[in-house]
Amino acid sequence: MAYVIGDDCVSCGACAGGCPVGAIAEGAEHYEIDADSCISCGACAGTCPSGAISEA
């Protein structure tokens, strides 16, 4: 199951740097995870300082 970034995202970009497959990019309102590319490893969740990333 892919991870998602919620509204608590502060757009710091820490998650994008932590994603081993490059599935995270800056979106219109905050960073977003491409569900088709996400390998559900959870690396991004561990780097998020605001706790905005969770499993979908």
C-alpha atoms as a PDB file:
ATOM      1  CA  MET A   1       0.000   0.000   0.000  1.00  0.00           C
ATOM      2  CA  ALA A   2       1.399   3.408  -0.975  1.00  0.00           C
ATOM      3  CA  TYR A   3       2.144   6.181   1.476  1.00  0.00           C
ATOM      4  CA  VAL A   4       0.409   9.575   1.343  1.00  0.00           C
ATOM      5  CA  ILE A   5       1.351  13.055   2.523  1.00  0.00           C
ATOM      6  CA  GLY A   6      -1.311  14.871   4.522  1.00  0.00           C
ATOM      7  CA  ASP A   7      -2.146  18.515   5.056  1.00  0.00           C
ATOM      8  CA  ASP A   8       0.315  18.769   7.958  1.00  0.00           C
ATOM      9  CA  CYS A   9       3.123  18.876   5.355  1.00  0.00           C
ATOM     10  CA  VAL A  10       5.285  21.993   5.717  1.00  0.00           C
ATOM     11  CA  SER A  11       6.916  21.526   2.271  1.00  0.00           C
ATOM     12  CA  CYS A  12      10.432  21.172   3.665  1.00  0.00           C
ATOM     13  CA  GLY A  13      11.431  18.514   1.112  1.00  0.00           C
ATOM     14  CA  ALA A  14      13.032  16.127   3.593  1.00  0.00           C
ATOM     15  CA  CYS A  15      10.832  13.276   2.366  1.00  0.00           C
ATOM     16  CA  ALA A  16      11.786  13.752  -1.283  1.00  0.00           C
ATOM     17  CA  GLY A  17      15.451  13.338  -0.435  1.00  0.00           C
ATOM     18  CA  GLY A  18      14.721  10.215   1.576  1.00  0.00           C
ATOM     19  CA  CYS A  19      12.742   8.386  -1.110  1.00  0.00           C
ATOM     20  CA  PRO A  20      14.898   5.687  -2.746  1.00  0.00           C
ATOM     21  CA  VAL A  21      12.766   5.582  -5.918  1.00  0.00           C
ATOM     22  CA  GLY A  22      12.096   9.298  -6.432  1.00  0.00           C
ATOM     23  CA  ALA A  23       8.334   8.961  -5.984  1.00  0.00           C
ATOM     24  CA  ILE A  24       7.937  12.304  -4.168  1.00  0.00           C
ATOM     25  CA  ALA A  25       7.657  15.717  -5.811  1.00  0.00           C
ATOM     26  CA  GLU A  26       6.448  19.172  -4.867  1.00  0.00           C
ATOM     27  CA  GLY A  27       2.733  19.548  -5.566  1.00  0.00           C
ATOM     28  CA  ALA A  28       0.429  22.557  -5.746  1.00  0.00           C
ATOM     29  CA  GLU A  29      -0.162  22.788  -1.978  1.00  0.00           C
ATOM     30  CA  HIS A  30       2.449  20.429  -0.503  1.00  0.00           C
ATOM     31  CA  TYR A  31       4.674  17.521  -1.482  1.00  0.00           C
ATOM     32  CA  GLU A  32       2.927  14.524  -3.049  1.00  0.00           C
ATOM     33  CA  ILE A  33       3.751  10.835  -3.446  1.00  0.00           C
ATOM     34  CA  ASP A  34       3.176   9.131  -6.800  1.00  0.00           C
ATOM     35  CA  ALA A  35       1.252   6.019  -5.739  1.00  0.00           C
ATOM     36  CA  ASP A  36       2.305   4.139  -8.880  1.00  0.00           C
ATOM     37  CA  SER A  37       6.003   4.645  -8.101  1.00  0.00           C
ATOM     38  CA  CYS A  38       5.858   4.221  -4.317  1.00  0.00           C
ATOM     39  CA  ILE A  39       7.309   0.909  -3.117  1.00  0.00           C
ATOM     40  CA  SER A  40       5.815   1.279   0.387  1.00  0.00           C
ATOM     41  CA  CYS A  41       9.178   1.156   2.128  1.00  0.00           C
ATOM     42  CA  GLY A  42       8.320   3.910   4.625  1.00  0.00           C
ATOM     43  CA  ALA A  43      11.659   5.717   4.293  1.00  0.00           C
ATOM     44  CA  CYS A  44       9.837   8.996   3.687  1.00  0.00           C
ATOM     45  CA  ALA A  45       7.765   8.706   6.858  1.00  0.00           C
ATOM     46  CA  GLY A  46      10.934   8.418   8.907  1.00  0.00           C
ATOM     47  CA  THR A  47      12.316  11.675   7.517  1.00  0.00           C
ATOM     48  CA  CYS A  48       9.187  13.823   7.901  1.00  0.00           C
ATOM     49  CA  PRO A  49       9.606  16.316  10.783  1.00  0.00           C
ATOM     50  CA  SER A  50       5.873  17.114  10.934  1.00  0.00           C
ATOM     51  CA  GLY A  51       4.605  13.521  10.852  1.00  0.00           C
ATOM     52  CA  ALA A  52       2.525  14.238   7.756  1.00  0.00           C
ATOM     53  CA  ILE A  53       3.225  10.922   5.996  1.00  0.00           C
ATOM     54  CA  SER A  54       1.182   7.786   6.601  1.00  0.00           C
ATOM     55  CA  GLU A  55       0.098   4.615   4.818  1.00  0.00           C
ATOM     56  CA  ALA A  56      -2.901   5.099   2.558  1.00  0.00           C
END
